[in-house]
């Protein structure tokens, strides 16, 4: 997911509209939403650091420029 986000970031520089769609697993811990890749192994809270992406990371990436930004999260959240 991190490599995909890096590639997406590079394309954002010349975009007028940015769309992020994630259909998968997510969870909320201490008020923070996380997106979990299909191969993410979350057995304890500290695994989030290595196996999940905070939703705020994607939001911060999109907010770096003045354009239309759309985020659609279709995730079951445990």
PDB file of N, CA and C in Angstrom:
ATOM      1  N   UNK A   1       0.818  -1.190   0.000  1.00  0.00           N
ATOM      2  CA  UNK A   1       0.000   0.000   0.000  1.00  0.00           C
ATOM      3  C   UNK A   1       0.860   1.250   0.000  1.00  0.00           C
ATOM      4  N   UNK A   2       1.989   1.189   0.691  1.00  0.00           N
ATOM      5  CA  UNK A   2       2.859   2.364   0.746  1.00  0.00           C
ATOM      6  C   UNK A   2       3.427   2.696  -0.632  1.00  0.00           C
ATOM      7  N   UNK A   3       3.833   1.685  -1.392  1.00  0.00           N
ATOM      8  CA  UNK A   3       4.358   1.937  -2.747  1.00  0.00           C
ATOM      9  C   UNK A   3       3.265   2.490  -3.652  1.00  0.00           C
ATOM     10  N   UNK A   4       2.067   1.988  -3.496  1.00  0.00           N
ATOM     11  CA  UNK A   4       0.943   2.488  -4.278  1.00  0.00           C
ATOM     12  C   UNK A   4       0.663   3.951  -3.944  1.00  0.00           C
ATOM     13  N   UNK A   5       0.718   4.290  -2.663  1.00  0.00           N
ATOM     14  CA  UNK A   5       0.503   5.681  -2.267  1.00  0.00           C
ATOM     15  C   UNK A   5       1.597   6.598  -2.794  1.00  0.00           C
ATOM     16  N   UNK A   6       2.822   6.108  -2.826  1.00  0.00           N
ATOM     17  CA  UNK A   6       3.921   6.914  -3.390  1.00  0.00           C
ATOM     18  C   UNK A   6       3.687   7.188  -4.870  1.00  0.00           C
ATOM     19  N   UNK A   7       3.279   6.172  -5.599  1.00  0.00           N
ATOM     20  CA  UNK A   7       3.002   6.335  -7.023  1.00  0.00           C
ATOM     21  C   UNK A   7       1.836   7.302  -7.232  1.00  0.00           C
ATOM     22  N   UNK A   8       0.818   7.174  -6.411  1.00  0.00           N
ATOM     23  CA  UNK A   8      -0.337   8.068  -6.471  1.00  0.00           C
ATOM     24  C   UNK A   8       0.087   9.505  -6.183  1.00  0.00           C
ATOM     25  N   UNK A   9       0.926   9.696  -5.173  1.00  0.00           N
ATOM     26  CA  UNK A   9       1.429  11.034  -4.828  1.00  0.00           C
ATOM     27  C   UNK A   9       2.118  11.686  -6.017  1.00  0.00           C
ATOM     28  N   UNK A  10       2.922  10.926  -6.732  1.00  0.00           N
ATOM     29  CA  UNK A  10       3.642  11.474  -7.878  1.00  0.00           C
ATOM     30  C   UNK A  10       2.681  11.946  -8.972  1.00  0.00           C
ATOM     31  N   UNK A  11       1.582  11.236  -9.141  1.00  0.00           N
ATOM     32  CA  UNK A  11       0.597  11.608 -10.162  1.00  0.00           C
ATOM     33  C   UNK A  11      -0.254  12.798  -9.721  1.00  0.00           C
ATOM     34  N   UNK A  12      -0.382  12.999  -8.419  1.00  0.00           N
ATOM     35  CA  UNK A  12      -1.192  14.099  -7.898  1.00  0.00           C
ATOM     36  C   UNK A  12      -0.664  15.474  -8.291  1.00  0.00           C
ATOM     37  N   UNK A  13       0.621  15.580  -8.514  1.00  0.00           N
ATOM     38  CA  UNK A  13       1.236  16.870  -8.794  1.00  0.00           C
ATOM     39  C   UNK A  13       0.628  17.573 -10.001  1.00  0.00           C
ATOM     40  N   UNK A  14       0.113  16.805 -10.955  1.00  0.00           N
ATOM     41  CA  UNK A  14      -0.454  17.412 -12.164  1.00  0.00           C
ATOM     42  C   UNK A  14      -1.960  17.164 -12.298  1.00  0.00           C
ATOM     43  N   UNK A  15      -2.607  16.774 -11.199  1.00  0.00           N
ATOM     44  CA  UNK A  15      -4.034  16.431 -11.237  1.00  0.00           C
ATOM     45  C   UNK A  15      -4.916  17.606 -10.820  1.00  0.00           C
ATOM     46  N   UNK A  16      -6.072  17.687 -11.448  1.00  0.00           N
ATOM     47  CA  UNK A  16      -7.095  18.656 -11.055  1.00  0.00           C
ATOM     48  C   UNK A  16      -8.099  18.028 -10.089  1.00  0.00           C
ATOM     49  N   UNK A  17      -8.216  16.693 -10.168  1.00  0.00           N
ATOM     50  CA  UNK A  17      -9.127  15.935  -9.309  1.00  0.00           C
ATOM     51  C   UNK A  17      -8.391  14.712  -8.795  1.00  0.00           C
ATOM     52  N   UNK A  18      -8.559  14.428  -7.513  1.00  0.00           N
ATOM     53  CA  UNK A  18      -7.963  13.230  -6.924  1.00  0.00           C
ATOM     54  C   UNK A  18      -9.088  12.380  -6.326  1.00  0.00           C
ATOM     55  N   UNK A  19      -9.070  11.078  -6.637  1.00  0.00           N
ATOM     56  CA  UNK A  19     -10.070  10.160  -6.123  1.00  0.00           C
ATOM     57  C   UNK A  19      -9.372   8.970  -5.487  1.00  0.00           C
ATOM     58  N   UNK A  20      -9.714   8.700  -4.237  1.00  0.00           N
ATOM     59  CA  UNK A  20      -9.221   7.513  -3.540  1.00  0.00           C
ATOM     60  C   UNK A  20     -10.439   6.670  -3.193  1.00  0.00           C
ATOM     61  N   UNK A  21     -10.441   5.423  -3.631  1.00  0.00           N
ATOM     62  CA  UNK A  21     -11.510   4.492  -3.309  1.00  0.00           C
ATOM     63  C   UNK A  21     -10.875   3.266  -2.674  1.00  0.00           C
ATOM     64  N   UNK A  22     -11.316   2.936  -1.487  1.00  0.00           N
ATOM     65  CA  UNK A  22     -10.791   1.747  -0.800  1.00  0.00           C
ATOM     66  C   UNK A  22     -11.967   0.888  -0.368  1.00  0.00           C
ATOM     67  N   UNK A  23     -12.001  -0.330  -0.853  1.00  0.00           N
ATOM     68  CA  UNK A  23     -13.016  -1.301  -0.432  1.00  0.00           C
ATOM     69  C   UNK A  23     -12.257  -2.441   0.230  1.00  0.00           C
ATOM     70  N   UNK A  24     -12.342  -2.519   1.514  1.00  0.00           N
ATOM     71  CA  UNK A  24     -11.603  -3.562   2.206  1.00  0.00           C
ATOM     72  C   UNK A  24     -11.854  -3.488   3.690  1.00  0.00           C
ATOM     73  N   UNK A  25     -10.822  -3.791   4.431  1.00  0.00           N
ATOM     74  CA  UNK A  25     -10.939  -3.818   5.883  1.00  0.00           C
ATOM     75  C   UNK A  25     -10.375  -2.546   6.497  1.00  0.00           C
ATOM     76  N   UNK A  26     -11.025  -2.124   7.540  1.00  0.00           N
ATOM     77  CA  UNK A  26     -10.564  -0.973   8.286  1.00  0.00           C
ATOM     78  C   UNK A  26     -10.870  -1.185   9.751  1.00  0.00           C
ATOM     79  N   UNK A  27     -10.281  -0.369  10.570  1.00  0.00           N
ATOM     80  CA  UNK A  27     -10.582  -0.432  11.994  1.00  0.00           C
ATOM     81  C   UNK A  27     -10.288   0.899  12.636  1.00  0.00           C
ATOM     82  N   UNK A  28     -10.888   1.105  13.790  1.00  0.00           N
ATOM     83  CA  UNK A  28     -10.662   2.326  14.538  1.00  0.00           C
ATOM     84  C   UNK A  28     -10.068   1.948  15.888  1.00  0.00           C
ATOM     85  N   UNK A  29      -8.967   2.602  16.214  1.00  0.00           N
ATOM     86  CA  UNK A  29      -8.303   2.393  17.503  1.00  0.00           C
ATOM     87  C   UNK A  29      -8.007   3.763  18.084  1.00  0.00           C
ATOM     88  N   UNK A  30      -8.490   4.006  19.280  1.00  0.00           N
ATOM     89  CA  UNK A  30      -8.277   5.282  19.965  1.00  0.00           C
ATOM     90  C   UNK A  30      -8.667   6.479  19.103  1.00  0.00           C
ATOM     91  N   UNK A  31      -9.782   6.358  18.392  1.00  0.00           N
ATOM     92  CA  UNK A  31     -10.283   7.463  17.583  1.00  0.00           C
ATOM     93  C   UNK A  31      -9.607   7.627  16.231  1.00  0.00           C
ATOM     94  N   UNK A  32      -8.674   6.770  15.906  1.00  0.00           N
ATOM     95  CA  UNK A  32      -7.930   6.835  14.639  1.00  0.00           C
ATOM     96  C   UNK A  32      -8.402   5.712  13.717  1.00  0.00           C
ATOM     97  N   UNK A  33      -8.762   6.069  12.468  1.00  0.00           N
ATOM     98  CA  UNK A  33      -9.172   5.071  11.479  1.00  0.00           C
ATOM     99  C   UNK A  33      -7.955   4.569  10.709  1.00  0.00           C
ATOM    100  N   UNK A  34      -7.931   3.266  10.468  1.00  0.00           N
ATOM    101  CA  UNK A  34      -6.834   2.635   9.735  1.00  0.00           C
ATOM    102  C   UNK A  34      -7.393   1.810   8.590  1.00  0.00           C
ATOM    103  N   UNK A  35      -6.667   1.800   7.471  1.00  0.00           N
ATOM    104  CA  UNK A  35      -6.968   0.929   6.346  1.00  0.00           C
ATOM    105  C   UNK A  35      -5.991  -0.235   6.404  1.00  0.00           C
ATOM    106  N   UNK A  36      -6.513  -1.429   6.255  1.00  0.00           N
ATOM    107  CA  UNK A  36      -5.688  -2.628   6.386  1.00  0.00           C
ATOM    108  C   UNK A  36      -5.627  -3.336   5.037  1.00  0.00           C
ATOM    109  N   UNK A  37      -4.434  -3.558   4.490  1.00  0.00           N
ATOM    110  CA  UNK A  37      -4.318  -4.276   3.220  1.00  0.00           C
ATOM    111  C   UNK A  37      -4.730  -5.740   3.398  1.00  0.00           C
ATOM    112  N   UNK A  38      -5.025  -6.393   2.288  1.00  0.00           N
ATOM    113  CA  UNK A  38      -5.515  -7.779   2.350  1.00  0.00           C
ATOM    114  C   UNK A  38      -4.527  -8.715   3.042  1.00  0.00           C
ATOM    115  N   UNK A  39      -3.248  -8.407   2.977  1.00  0.00           N
ATOM    116  CA  UNK A  39      -2.257  -9.276   3.630  1.00  0.00           C
ATOM    117  C   UNK A  39      -1.813  -8.738   4.991  1.00  0.00           C
ATOM    118  N   UNK A  40      -2.496  -7.726   5.490  1.00  0.00           N
ATOM    119  CA  UNK A  40      -2.139  -7.154   6.789  1.00  0.00           C
ATOM    120  C   UNK A  40      -2.463  -8.112   7.925  1.00  0.00           C
ATOM    121  N   UNK A  41      -1.540  -8.280   8.821  1.00  0.00           N
ATOM    122  CA  UNK A  41      -1.710  -9.171   9.980  1.00  0.00           C
ATOM    123  C   UNK A  41      -1.784  -8.309  11.231  1.00  0.00           C
ATOM    124  N   UNK A  42      -2.991  -8.110  11.724  1.00  0.00           N
ATOM    125  CA  UNK A  42      -3.191  -7.298  12.918  1.00  0.00           C
ATOM    126  C   UNK A  42      -3.616  -8.219  14.059  1.00  0.00           C
ATOM    127  N   UNK A  43      -2.696  -8.473  14.957  1.00  0.00           N
ATOM    128  CA  UNK A  43      -3.004  -9.312  16.117  1.00  0.00           C
ATOM    129  C   UNK A  43      -2.978  -8.512  17.414  1.00  0.00           C
ATOM    130  N   UNK A  44      -2.266  -7.405  17.410  1.00  0.00           N
ATOM    131  CA  UNK A  44      -2.212  -6.524  18.583  1.00  0.00           C
ATOM    132  C   UNK A  44      -2.062  -5.090  18.085  1.00  0.00           C
ATOM    133  N   UNK A  45      -2.343  -4.163  18.952  1.00  0.00           N
ATOM    134  CA  UNK A  45      -2.377  -2.755  18.564  1.00  0.00           C
ATOM    135  C   UNK A  45      -1.067  -2.286  17.921  1.00  0.00           C
ATOM    136  N   UNK A  46       0.055  -2.745  18.403  1.00  0.00           N
ATOM    137  CA  UNK A  46       1.340  -2.301  17.853  1.00  0.00           C
ATOM    138  C   UNK A  46       1.559  -2.762  16.415  1.00  0.00           C
ATOM    139  N   UNK A  47       0.804  -3.757  15.942  1.00  0.00           N
ATOM    140  CA  UNK A  47       0.909  -4.201  14.552  1.00  0.00           C
ATOM    141  C   UNK A  47       0.416  -3.139  13.571  1.00  0.00           C
ATOM    142  N   UNK A  48      -0.402  -2.210  14.052  1.00  0.00           N
ATOM    143  CA  UNK A  48      -0.905  -1.154  13.173  1.00  0.00           C
ATOM    144  C   UNK A  48       0.225  -0.349  12.549  1.00  0.00           C
ATOM    145  N   UNK A  49       1.300  -0.159  13.290  1.00  0.00           N
ATOM    146  CA  UNK A  49       2.447   0.620  12.797  1.00  0.00           C
ATOM    147  C   UNK A  49       3.033  -0.012  11.539  1.00  0.00           C
ATOM    148  N   UNK A  50       3.039  -1.336  11.480  1.00  0.00           N
ATOM    149  CA  UNK A  50       3.716  -2.045  10.399  1.00  0.00           C
ATOM    150  C   UNK A  50       2.772  -2.581   9.324  1.00  0.00           C
ATOM    151  N   UNK A  51       1.489  -2.728   9.645  1.00  0.00           N
ATOM    152  CA  UNK A  51       0.587  -3.434   8.733  1.00  0.00           C
ATOM    153  C   UNK A  51      -0.674  -2.672   8.357  1.00  0.00           C
ATOM    154  N   UNK A  52      -0.742  -1.384   8.633  1.00  0.00           N
ATOM    155  CA  UNK A  52      -1.938  -0.607   8.298  1.00  0.00           C
ATOM    156  C   UNK A  52      -1.533   0.825   7.954  1.00  0.00           C
ATOM    157  N   UNK A  53      -2.431   1.503   7.254  1.00  0.00           N
ATOM    158  CA  UNK A  53      -2.200   2.894   6.871  1.00  0.00           C
ATOM    159  C   UNK A  53      -3.241   3.751   7.582  1.00  0.00           C
ATOM    160  N   UNK A  54      -2.816   4.751   8.341  1.00  0.00           N
ATOM    161  CA  UNK A  54      -3.805   5.650   8.948  1.00  0.00           C
ATOM    162  C   UNK A  54      -4.565   6.411   7.856  1.00  0.00           C
ATOM    163  N   UNK A  55      -5.870   6.491   7.986  1.00  0.00           N
ATOM    164  CA  UNK A  55      -6.677   7.216   6.997  1.00  0.00           C
ATOM    165  C   UNK A  55      -6.234   8.671   6.911  1.00  0.00           C
ATOM    166  N   UNK A  56      -5.758   9.243   8.012  1.00  0.00           N
ATOM    167  CA  UNK A  56      -5.307  10.639   7.997  1.00  0.00           C
ATOM    168  C   UNK A  56      -4.084  10.836   7.107  1.00  0.00           C
ATOM    169  N   UNK A  57      -3.308   9.788   6.876  1.00  0.00           N
ATOM    170  CA  UNK A  57      -2.158   9.880   5.975  1.00  0.00           C
ATOM    171  C   UNK A  57      -2.627  10.169   4.558  1.00  0.00           C
ATOM    172  N   UNK A  58      -3.667   9.473   4.135  1.00  0.00           N
ATOM    173  CA  UNK A  58      -4.215   9.693   2.798  1.00  0.00           C
ATOM    174  C   UNK A  58      -4.836  11.078   2.719  1.00  0.00           C
ATOM    175  N   UNK A  59      -5.560  11.460   3.740  1.00  0.00           N
ATOM    176  CA  UNK A  59      -6.181  12.791   3.760  1.00  0.00           C
ATOM    177  C   UNK A  59      -5.115  13.878   3.686  1.00  0.00           C
ATOM    178  N   UNK A  60      -4.045  13.741   4.439  1.00  0.00           N
ATOM    179  CA  UNK A  60      -2.967  14.737   4.432  1.00  0.00           C
ATOM    180  C   UNK A  60      -2.311  14.814   3.057  1.00  0.00           C
ATOM    181  N   UNK A  61      -2.155  13.683   2.410  1.00  0.00           N
ATOM    182  CA  UNK A  61      -1.573  13.650   1.074  1.00  0.00           C
ATOM    183  C   UNK A  61      -2.432  14.448   0.094  1.00  0.00           C
ATOM    184  N   UNK A  62      -3.733  14.286   0.182  1.00  0.00           N
ATOM    185  CA  UNK A  62      -4.632  14.987  -0.735  1.00  0.00           C
ATOM    186  C   UNK A  62      -4.712  16.478  -0.447  1.00  0.00           C
ATOM    187  N   UNK A  63      -4.570  16.867   0.801  1.00  0.00           N
ATOM    188  CA  UNK A  63      -4.714  18.271   1.181  1.00  0.00           C
ATOM    189  C   UNK A  63      -3.516  19.140   0.821  1.00  0.00           C
ATOM    190  N   UNK A  64      -2.498  18.584   0.219  1.00  0.00           N
ATOM    191  CA  UNK A  64      -1.296  19.342  -0.089  1.00  0.00           C
ATOM    192  C   UNK A  64      -1.434  20.250  -1.303  1.00  0.00           C
ATOM    193  N   UNK A  65      -2.553  20.164  -2.000  1.00  0.00           N
ATOM    194  CA  UNK A  65      -2.737  21.030  -3.177  1.00  0.00           C
ATOM    195  C   UNK A  65      -4.199  21.447  -3.282  1.00  0.00           C
ATOM    196  N   UNK A  66      -4.415  22.500  -4.050  1.00  0.00           N
ATOM    197  CA  UNK A  66      -5.754  23.031  -4.249  1.00  0.00           C
ATOM    198  C   UNK A  66      -6.377  22.335  -5.458  1.00  0.00           C
ATOM    199  N   UNK A  67      -7.197  21.322  -5.203  1.00  0.00           N
ATOM    200  CA  UNK A  67      -7.877  20.563  -6.254  1.00  0.00           C
ATOM    201  C   UNK A  67      -9.112  19.919  -5.633  1.00  0.00           C
ATOM    202  N   UNK A  68      -9.922  19.296  -6.430  1.00  0.00           N
ATOM    203  CA  UNK A  68     -11.056  18.535  -5.921  1.00  0.00           C
ATOM    204  C   UNK A  68     -10.522  17.200  -5.406  1.00  0.00           C
ATOM    205  N   UNK A  69     -10.782  16.905  -4.136  1.00  0.00           N
ATOM    206  CA  UNK A  69     -10.318  15.663  -3.523  1.00  0.00           C
ATOM    207  C   UNK A  69     -11.521  14.866  -3.042  1.00  0.00           C
ATOM    208  N   UNK A  70     -11.578  13.608  -3.443  1.00  0.00           N
ATOM    209  CA  UNK A  70     -12.677  12.727  -3.066  1.00  0.00           C
ATOM    210  C   UNK A  70     -12.083  11.468  -2.444  1.00  0.00           C
ATOM    211  N   UNK A  71     -12.569  11.110  -1.262  1.00  0.00           N
ATOM    212  CA  UNK A  71     -12.154   9.858  -0.614  1.00  0.00           C
ATOM    213  C   UNK A  71     -13.412   9.044  -0.343  1.00  0.00           C
ATOM    214  N   UNK A  72     -13.449   7.820  -0.860  1.00  0.00           N
ATOM    215  CA  UNK A  72     -14.558   6.911  -0.613  1.00  0.00           C
ATOM    216  C   UNK A  72     -13.993   5.687   0.105  1.00  0.00           C
ATOM    217  N   UNK A  73     -14.467   5.465   1.317  1.00  0.00           N
ATOM    218  CA  UNK A  73     -14.024   4.312   2.106  1.00  0.00           C
ATOM    219  C   UNK A  73     -15.202   3.370   2.283  1.00  0.00           C
ATOM    220  N   UNK A  74     -15.122   2.228   1.656  1.00  0.00           N
ATOM    221  CA  UNK A  74     -16.146   1.200   1.771  1.00  0.00           C
ATOM    222  C   UNK A  74     -15.509   0.044   2.512  1.00  0.00           C
ATOM    223  N   UNK A  75     -15.404   0.211   3.812  1.00  0.00           N
ATOM    224  CA  UNK A  75     -14.671  -0.765   4.608  1.00  0.00           C
ATOM    225  C   UNK A  75     -15.509  -1.233   5.785  1.00  0.00           C
ATOM    226  N   UNK A  76     -15.432  -2.528   6.055  1.00  0.00           N
ATOM    227  CA  UNK A  76     -16.004  -2.984   7.307  1.00  0.00           C
ATOM    228  C   UNK A  76     -15.030  -2.533   8.392  1.00  0.00           C
ATOM    229  N   UNK A  77     -15.533  -2.028   9.472  1.00  0.00           N
ATOM    230  CA  UNK A  77     -14.666  -1.486  10.502  1.00  0.00           C
ATOM    231  C   UNK A  77     -14.898  -2.246  11.795  1.00  0.00           C
ATOM    232  N   UNK A  78     -13.858  -2.899  12.267  1.00  0.00           N
ATOM    233  CA  UNK A  78     -13.939  -3.676  13.508  1.00  0.00           C
ATOM    234  C   UNK A  78     -13.283  -2.925  14.646  1.00  0.00           C
TER     235      UNK A  78
END
